[in-house]
Amino acid sequence: MSTEKSSDDVEKMSFEEALKELELIVRQLESGQGELDASISAYERGARIKAHCEMKLKDAQTRIDKIVSG
């Protein structure tokens, strides 16, 4: 699984890529299979990806607000 990647690559992900990986991580964690350390690492990566997605959405909302008010 890609949970071993560095946090640097998260910042380079598109929203769609990040969302897809986050969905995979959630499925993996929900399955309850896997070792504890791997699950913790996956959770930590998921948290970084979630924050990245939230930032992307906030940026998009800011851009839309500028267009609408502009």
PDB file of N, CA and C in Angstrom:
ATOM      1  N   MET A   1       0.841  -1.182   0.000  1.00  0.00           N
ATOM      2  CA  MET A   1       0.000   0.000   0.000  1.00  0.00           C
ATOM      3  C   MET A   1       0.881   1.237   0.000  1.00  0.00           C
ATOM      4  N   SER A   2       0.362   2.318  -0.459  1.00  0.00           N
ATOM      5  CA  SER A   2       1.139   3.535  -0.612  1.00  0.00           C
ATOM      6  C   SER A   2       1.246   4.338   0.674  1.00  0.00           C
ATOM      7  N   THR A   3       0.881   3.765   1.815  1.00  0.00           N
ATOM      8  CA  THR A   3       0.949   4.505   3.066  1.00  0.00           C
ATOM      9  C   THR A   3       2.371   4.767   3.514  1.00  0.00           C
ATOM     10  N   GLU A   4       3.350   4.165   2.870  1.00  0.00           N
ATOM     11  CA  GLU A   4       4.747   4.372   3.243  1.00  0.00           C
ATOM     12  C   GLU A   4       5.360   5.585   2.550  1.00  0.00           C
ATOM     13  N   LYS A   5       4.620   6.239   1.683  1.00  0.00           N
ATOM     14  CA  LYS A   5       5.137   7.397   0.965  1.00  0.00           C
ATOM     15  C   LYS A   5       5.338   8.550   1.927  1.00  0.00           C
ATOM     16  N   SER A   6       6.189   9.470   1.538  1.00  0.00           N
ATOM     17  CA  SER A   6       6.460  10.633   2.385  1.00  0.00           C
ATOM     18  C   SER A   6       5.315  11.635   2.308  1.00  0.00           C
ATOM     19  N   SER A   7       5.289  12.534   3.275  1.00  0.00           N
ATOM     20  CA  SER A   7       4.244  13.555   3.271  1.00  0.00           C
ATOM     21  C   SER A   7       4.449  14.565   2.155  1.00  0.00           C
ATOM     22  N   ASP A   8       5.677  14.656   1.630  1.00  0.00           N
ATOM     23  CA  ASP A   8       5.951  15.587   0.531  1.00  0.00           C
ATOM     24  C   ASP A   8       5.105  15.269  -0.694  1.00  0.00           C
ATOM     25  N   ASP A   9       4.905  13.988  -0.973  1.00  0.00           N
ATOM     26  CA  ASP A   9       4.142  13.633  -2.162  1.00  0.00           C
ATOM     27  C   ASP A   9       2.666  13.976  -2.007  1.00  0.00           C
ATOM     28  N   VAL A  10       2.168  14.069  -0.791  1.00  0.00           N
ATOM     29  CA  VAL A  10       0.771  14.442  -0.566  1.00  0.00           C
ATOM     30  C   VAL A  10       0.521  15.840  -1.109  1.00  0.00           C
ATOM     31  N   GLU A  11       1.443  16.743  -0.867  1.00  0.00           N
ATOM     32  CA  GLU A  11       1.285  18.125  -1.323  1.00  0.00           C
ATOM     33  C   GLU A  11       1.257  18.241  -2.839  1.00  0.00           C
ATOM     34  N   LYS A  12       1.802  17.264  -3.533  1.00  0.00           N
ATOM     35  CA  LYS A  12       1.842  17.289  -4.995  1.00  0.00           C
ATOM     36  C   LYS A  12       0.617  16.645  -5.627  1.00  0.00           C
ATOM     37  N   MET A  13      -0.219  15.997  -4.819  1.00  0.00           N
ATOM     38  CA  MET A  13      -1.386  15.283  -5.343  1.00  0.00           C
ATOM     39  C   MET A  13      -2.485  16.242  -5.779  1.00  0.00           C
ATOM     40  N   SER A  14      -3.174  15.849  -6.831  1.00  0.00           N
ATOM     41  CA  SER A  14      -4.393  16.575  -7.187  1.00  0.00           C
ATOM     42  C   SER A  14      -5.463  16.190  -6.175  1.00  0.00           C
ATOM     43  N   PHE A  15      -6.531  16.942  -6.149  1.00  0.00           N
ATOM     44  CA  PHE A  15      -7.628  16.627  -5.234  1.00  0.00           C
ATOM     45  C   PHE A  15      -8.161  15.224  -5.510  1.00  0.00           C
ATOM     46  N   GLU A  16      -8.322  14.912  -6.781  1.00  0.00           N
ATOM     47  CA  GLU A  16      -8.882  13.615  -7.164  1.00  0.00           C
ATOM     48  C   GLU A  16      -7.971  12.453  -6.760  1.00  0.00           C
ATOM     49  N   GLU A  17      -6.665  12.627  -6.952  1.00  0.00           N
ATOM     50  CA  GLU A  17      -5.708  11.590  -6.540  1.00  0.00           C
ATOM     51  C   GLU A  17      -5.749  11.387  -5.034  1.00  0.00           C
ATOM     52  N   ALA A  18      -5.780  12.497  -4.311  1.00  0.00           N
ATOM     53  CA  ALA A  18      -5.784  12.436  -2.850  1.00  0.00           C
ATOM     54  C   ALA A  18      -7.059  11.769  -2.346  1.00  0.00           C
ATOM     55  N   LEU A  19      -8.182  12.122  -2.921  1.00  0.00           N
ATOM     56  CA  LEU A  19      -9.448  11.544  -2.503  1.00  0.00           C
ATOM     57  C   LEU A  19      -9.481  10.040  -2.769  1.00  0.00           C
ATOM     58  N   LYS A  20      -8.952   9.633  -3.910  1.00  0.00           N
ATOM     59  CA  LYS A  20      -8.916   8.215  -4.254  1.00  0.00           C
ATOM     60  C   LYS A  20      -8.067   7.435  -3.239  1.00  0.00           C
ATOM     61  N   GLU A  21      -6.898   7.963  -2.914  1.00  0.00           N
ATOM     62  CA  GLU A  21      -6.039   7.278  -1.944  1.00  0.00           C
ATOM     63  C   GLU A  21      -6.672   7.286  -0.559  1.00  0.00           C
ATOM     64  N   LEU A  22      -7.308   8.378  -0.188  1.00  0.00           N
ATOM     65  CA  LEU A  22      -7.973   8.442   1.107  1.00  0.00           C
ATOM     66  C   LEU A  22      -9.073   7.384   1.202  1.00  0.00           C
ATOM     67  N   GLU A  23      -9.808   7.195   0.128  1.00  0.00           N
ATOM     68  CA  GLU A  23     -10.842   6.159   0.106  1.00  0.00           C
ATOM     69  C   GLU A  23     -10.229   4.773   0.288  1.00  0.00           C
ATOM     70  N   LEU A  24      -9.078   4.528  -0.335  1.00  0.00           N
ATOM     71  CA  LEU A  24      -8.400   3.243  -0.173  1.00  0.00           C
ATOM     72  C   LEU A  24      -7.951   3.029   1.275  1.00  0.00           C
ATOM     73  N   ILE A  25      -7.420   4.068   1.874  1.00  0.00           N
ATOM     74  CA  ILE A  25      -6.963   3.979   3.253  1.00  0.00           C
ATOM     75  C   ILE A  25      -8.136   3.692   4.184  1.00  0.00           C
ATOM     76  N   VAL A  26      -9.251   4.383   3.967  1.00  0.00           N
ATOM     77  CA  VAL A  26     -10.431   4.166   4.807  1.00  0.00           C
ATOM     78  C   VAL A  26     -10.902   2.726   4.692  1.00  0.00           C
ATOM     79  N   ARG A  27     -10.962   2.204   3.466  1.00  0.00           N
ATOM     80  CA  ARG A  27     -11.374   0.806   3.278  1.00  0.00           C
ATOM     81  C   ARG A  27     -10.431  -0.149   3.993  1.00  0.00           C
ATOM     82  N   GLN A  28      -9.136   0.129   3.891  1.00  0.00           N
ATOM     83  CA  GLN A  28      -8.135  -0.724   4.545  1.00  0.00           C
ATOM     84  C   GLN A  28      -8.339  -0.706   6.060  1.00  0.00           C
ATOM     85  N   LEU A  29      -8.524   0.471   6.623  1.00  0.00           N
ATOM     86  CA  LEU A  29      -8.701   0.579   8.067  1.00  0.00           C
ATOM     87  C   LEU A  29     -10.014  -0.046   8.520  1.00  0.00           C
ATOM     88  N   GLU A  30     -11.066   0.141   7.744  1.00  0.00           N
ATOM     89  CA  GLU A  30     -12.364  -0.427   8.096  1.00  0.00           C
ATOM     90  C   GLU A  30     -12.366  -1.944   8.051  1.00  0.00           C
ATOM     91  N   SER A  31     -11.499  -2.521   7.224  1.00  0.00           N
ATOM     92  CA  SER A  31     -11.452  -3.977   7.119  1.00  0.00           C
ATOM     93  C   SER A  31     -10.947  -4.616   8.408  1.00  0.00           C
ATOM     94  N   GLY A  32     -10.172  -3.842   9.177  1.00  0.00           N
ATOM     95  CA  GLY A  32      -9.646  -4.358  10.431  1.00  0.00           C
ATOM     96  C   GLY A  32      -8.518  -5.355  10.260  1.00  0.00           C
ATOM     97  N   GLN A  33      -8.085  -5.539   9.039  1.00  0.00           N
ATOM     98  CA  GLN A  33      -6.991  -6.469   8.783  1.00  0.00           C
ATOM     99  C   GLN A  33      -5.687  -5.692   8.707  1.00  0.00           C
ATOM    100  N   GLY A  34      -4.640  -6.333   9.010  1.00  0.00           N
ATOM    101  CA  GLY A  34      -3.340  -5.687   8.961  1.00  0.00           C
ATOM    102  C   GLY A  34      -2.795  -5.481  10.364  1.00  0.00           C
ATOM    103  N   GLU A  35      -1.517  -5.223  10.410  1.00  0.00           N
ATOM    104  CA  GLU A  35      -0.841  -5.044  11.690  1.00  0.00           C
ATOM    105  C   GLU A  35      -1.104  -3.657  12.249  1.00  0.00           C
ATOM    106  N   LEU A  36      -0.971  -3.552  13.549  1.00  0.00           N
ATOM    107  CA  LEU A  36      -1.240  -2.289  14.241  1.00  0.00           C
ATOM    108  C   LEU A  36      -0.366  -1.154  13.728  1.00  0.00           C
ATOM    109  N   ASP A  37       0.941  -1.392  13.596  1.00  0.00           N
ATOM    110  CA  ASP A  37       1.846  -0.328  13.140  1.00  0.00           C
ATOM    111  C   ASP A  37       1.475   0.147  11.740  1.00  0.00           C
ATOM    112  N   ALA A  38       1.121  -0.788  10.872  1.00  0.00           N
ATOM    113  CA  ALA A  38       0.728  -0.423   9.506  1.00  0.00           C
ATOM    114  C   ALA A  38      -0.570   0.383   9.527  1.00  0.00           C
ATOM    115  N   SER A  39      -1.482   0.004  10.393  1.00  0.00           N
ATOM    116  CA  SER A  39      -2.748   0.731  10.505  1.00  0.00           C
ATOM    117  C   SER A  39      -2.531   2.143  11.027  1.00  0.00           C
ATOM    118  N   ILE A  40      -1.637   2.283  11.992  1.00  0.00           N
ATOM    119  CA  ILE A  40      -1.330   3.617  12.534  1.00  0.00           C
ATOM    120  C   ILE A  40      -0.691   4.484  11.449  1.00  0.00           C
ATOM    121  N   SER A  41       0.228   3.908  10.688  1.00  0.00           N
ATOM    122  CA  SER A  41       0.863   4.654   9.592  1.00  0.00           C
ATOM    123  C   SER A  41      -0.163   5.061   8.545  1.00  0.00           C
ATOM    124  N   ALA A  42      -1.066   4.157   8.225  1.00  0.00           N
ATOM    125  CA  ALA A  42      -2.116   4.458   7.252  1.00  0.00           C
ATOM    126  C   ALA A  42      -3.009   5.576   7.767  1.00  0.00           C
ATOM    127  N   TYR A  43      -3.352   5.521   9.052  1.00  0.00           N
ATOM    128  CA  TYR A  43      -4.188   6.553   9.654  1.00  0.00           C
ATOM    129  C   TYR A  43      -3.496   7.919   9.600  1.00  0.00           C
ATOM    130  N   GLU A  44      -2.203   7.940   9.925  1.00  0.00           N
ATOM    131  CA  GLU A  44      -1.442   9.194   9.888  1.00  0.00           C
ATOM    132  C   GLU A  44      -1.404   9.758   8.470  1.00  0.00           C
ATOM    133  N   ARG A  45      -1.168   8.900   7.493  1.00  0.00           N
ATOM    134  CA  ARG A  45      -1.157   9.360   6.099  1.00  0.00           C
ATOM    135  C   ARG A  45      -2.542   9.855   5.694  1.00  0.00           C
ATOM    136  N   GLY A  46      -3.561   9.134   6.109  1.00  0.00           N
ATOM    137  CA  GLY A  46      -4.927   9.550   5.818  1.00  0.00           C
ATOM    138  C   GLY A  46      -5.235  10.922   6.386  1.00  0.00           C
ATOM    139  N   ALA A  47      -4.752  11.188   7.581  1.00  0.00           N
ATOM    140  CA  ALA A  47      -4.961  12.501   8.195  1.00  0.00           C
ATOM    141  C   ALA A  47      -4.269  13.600   7.383  1.00  0.00           C
ATOM    142  N   ARG A  48      -3.052  13.311   6.886  1.00  0.00           N
ATOM    143  CA  ARG A  48      -2.354  14.303   6.046  1.00  0.00           C
ATOM    144  C   ARG A  48      -3.103  14.524   4.737  1.00  0.00           C
ATOM    145  N   ILE A  49      -3.606  13.446   4.153  1.00  0.00           N
ATOM    146  CA  ILE A  49      -4.343  13.565   2.896  1.00  0.00           C
ATOM    147  C   ILE A  49      -5.643  14.322   3.113  1.00  0.00           C
ATOM    148  N   LYS A  50      -6.336  14.046   4.211  1.00  0.00           N
ATOM    149  CA  LYS A  50      -7.580  14.755   4.528  1.00  0.00           C
ATOM    150  C   LYS A  50      -7.320  16.255   4.640  1.00  0.00           C
ATOM    151  N   ALA A  51      -6.271  16.627   5.350  1.00  0.00           N
ATOM    152  CA  ALA A  51      -5.925  18.045   5.493  1.00  0.00           C
ATOM    153  C   ALA A  51      -5.621  18.666   4.131  1.00  0.00           C
ATOM    154  N   HIS A  52      -4.942  17.920   3.279  1.00  0.00           N
ATOM    155  CA  HIS A  52      -4.616  18.396   1.924  1.00  0.00           C
ATOM    156  C   HIS A  52      -5.898  18.635   1.125  1.00  0.00           C
ATOM    157  N   CYS A  53      -6.837  17.679   1.205  1.00  0.00           N
ATOM    158  CA  CYS A  53      -8.106  17.824   0.490  1.00  0.00           C
ATOM    159  C   CYS A  53      -8.881  19.038   0.998  1.00  0.00           C
ATOM    160  N   GLU A  54      -8.905  19.221   2.307  1.00  0.00           N
ATOM    161  CA  GLU A  54      -9.599  20.373   2.876  1.00  0.00           C
ATOM    162  C   GLU A  54      -8.985  21.684   2.394  1.00  0.00           C
ATOM    163  N   MET A  55      -7.662  21.733   2.300  1.00  0.00           N
ATOM    164  CA  MET A  55      -6.993  22.929   1.806  1.00  0.00           C
ATOM    165  C   MET A  55      -7.357  23.185   0.339  1.00  0.00           C
ATOM    166  N   LYS A  56      -7.361  22.114  -0.459  1.00  0.00           N
ATOM    167  CA  LYS A  56      -7.719  22.260  -1.877  1.00  0.00           C
ATOM    168  C   LYS A  56      -9.146  22.780  -2.021  1.00  0.00           C
ATOM    169  N   LEU A  57     -10.069  22.251  -1.208  1.00  0.00           N
ATOM    170  CA  LEU A  57     -11.455  22.710  -1.269  1.00  0.00           C
ATOM    171  C   LEU A  57     -11.584  24.165  -0.831  1.00  0.00           C
ATOM    172  N   LYS A  58     -10.850  24.539   0.207  1.00  0.00           N
ATOM    173  CA  LYS A  58     -10.876  25.930   0.675  1.00  0.00           C
ATOM    174  C   LYS A  58     -10.346  26.871  -0.407  1.00  0.00           C
ATOM    175  N   ASP A  59      -9.253  26.478  -1.064  1.00  0.00           N
ATOM    176  CA  ASP A  59      -8.700  27.289  -2.151  1.00  0.00           C
ATOM    177  C   ASP A  59      -9.693  27.425  -3.296  1.00  0.00           C
ATOM    178  N   ALA A  60     -10.361  26.337  -3.632  1.00  0.00           N
ATOM    179  CA  ALA A  60     -11.357  26.375  -4.707  1.00  0.00           C
ATOM    180  C   ALA A  60     -12.513  27.299  -4.327  1.00  0.00           C
ATOM    181  N   GLN A  61     -12.957  27.222  -3.078  1.00  0.00           N
ATOM    182  CA  GLN A  61     -14.047  28.089  -2.620  1.00  0.00           C
ATOM    183  C   GLN A  61     -13.640  29.553  -2.680  1.00  0.00           C
ATOM    184  N   THR A  62     -12.407  29.846  -2.308  1.00  0.00           N
ATOM    185  CA  THR A  62     -11.906  31.216  -2.373  1.00  0.00           C
ATOM    186  C   THR A  62     -11.907  31.724  -3.816  1.00  0.00           C
ATOM    187  N   ARG A  63     -11.455  30.880  -4.731  1.00  0.00           N
ATOM    188  CA  ARG A  63     -11.446  31.269  -6.148  1.00  0.00           C
ATOM    189  C   ARG A  63     -12.859  31.518  -6.668  1.00  0.00           C
ATOM    190  N   ILE A  64     -13.797  30.656  -6.287  1.00  0.00           N
ATOM    191  CA  ILE A  64     -15.183  30.815  -6.725  1.00  0.00           C
ATOM    192  C   ILE A  64     -15.768  32.095  -6.136  1.00  0.00           C
ATOM    193  N   ASP A  65     -15.506  32.347  -4.868  1.00  0.00           N
ATOM    194  CA  ASP A  65     -16.006  33.569  -4.234  1.00  0.00           C
ATOM    195  C   ASP A  65     -15.503  34.807  -4.955  1.00  0.00           C
ATOM    196  N   LYS A  66     -14.237  34.792  -5.386  1.00  0.00           N
ATOM    197  CA  LYS A  66     -13.685  35.935  -6.111  1.00  0.00           C
ATOM    198  C   LYS A  66     -14.371  36.125  -7.447  1.00  0.00           C
ATOM    199  N   ILE A  67     -14.682  35.016  -8.120  1.00  0.00           N
ATOM    200  CA  ILE A  67     -15.362  35.110  -9.419  1.00  0.00           C
ATOM    201  C   ILE A  67     -16.768  35.653  -9.241  1.00  0.00           C
ATOM    202  N   VAL A  68     -17.474  35.143  -8.261  1.00  0.00           N
ATOM    203  CA  VAL A  68     -18.857  35.547  -8.033  1.00  0.00           C
ATOM    204  C   VAL A  68     -18.952  37.007  -7.594  1.00  0.00           C
ATOM    205  N   SER A  69     -18.056  37.431  -6.730  1.00  0.00           N
ATOM    206  CA  SER A  69     -18.107  38.803  -6.225  1.00  0.00           C
ATOM    207  C   SER A  69     -17.416  39.803  -7.155  1.00  0.00           C
ATOM    208  N   GLY A  70     -16.648  39.267  -8.073  1.00  0.00           N
ATOM    209  CA  GLY A  70     -15.780  40.029  -8.906  1.00  0.00           C
ATOM    210  C   GLY A  70     -16.274  40.953  -9.880  1.00  0.00           C
TER     211      GLY A  70
END
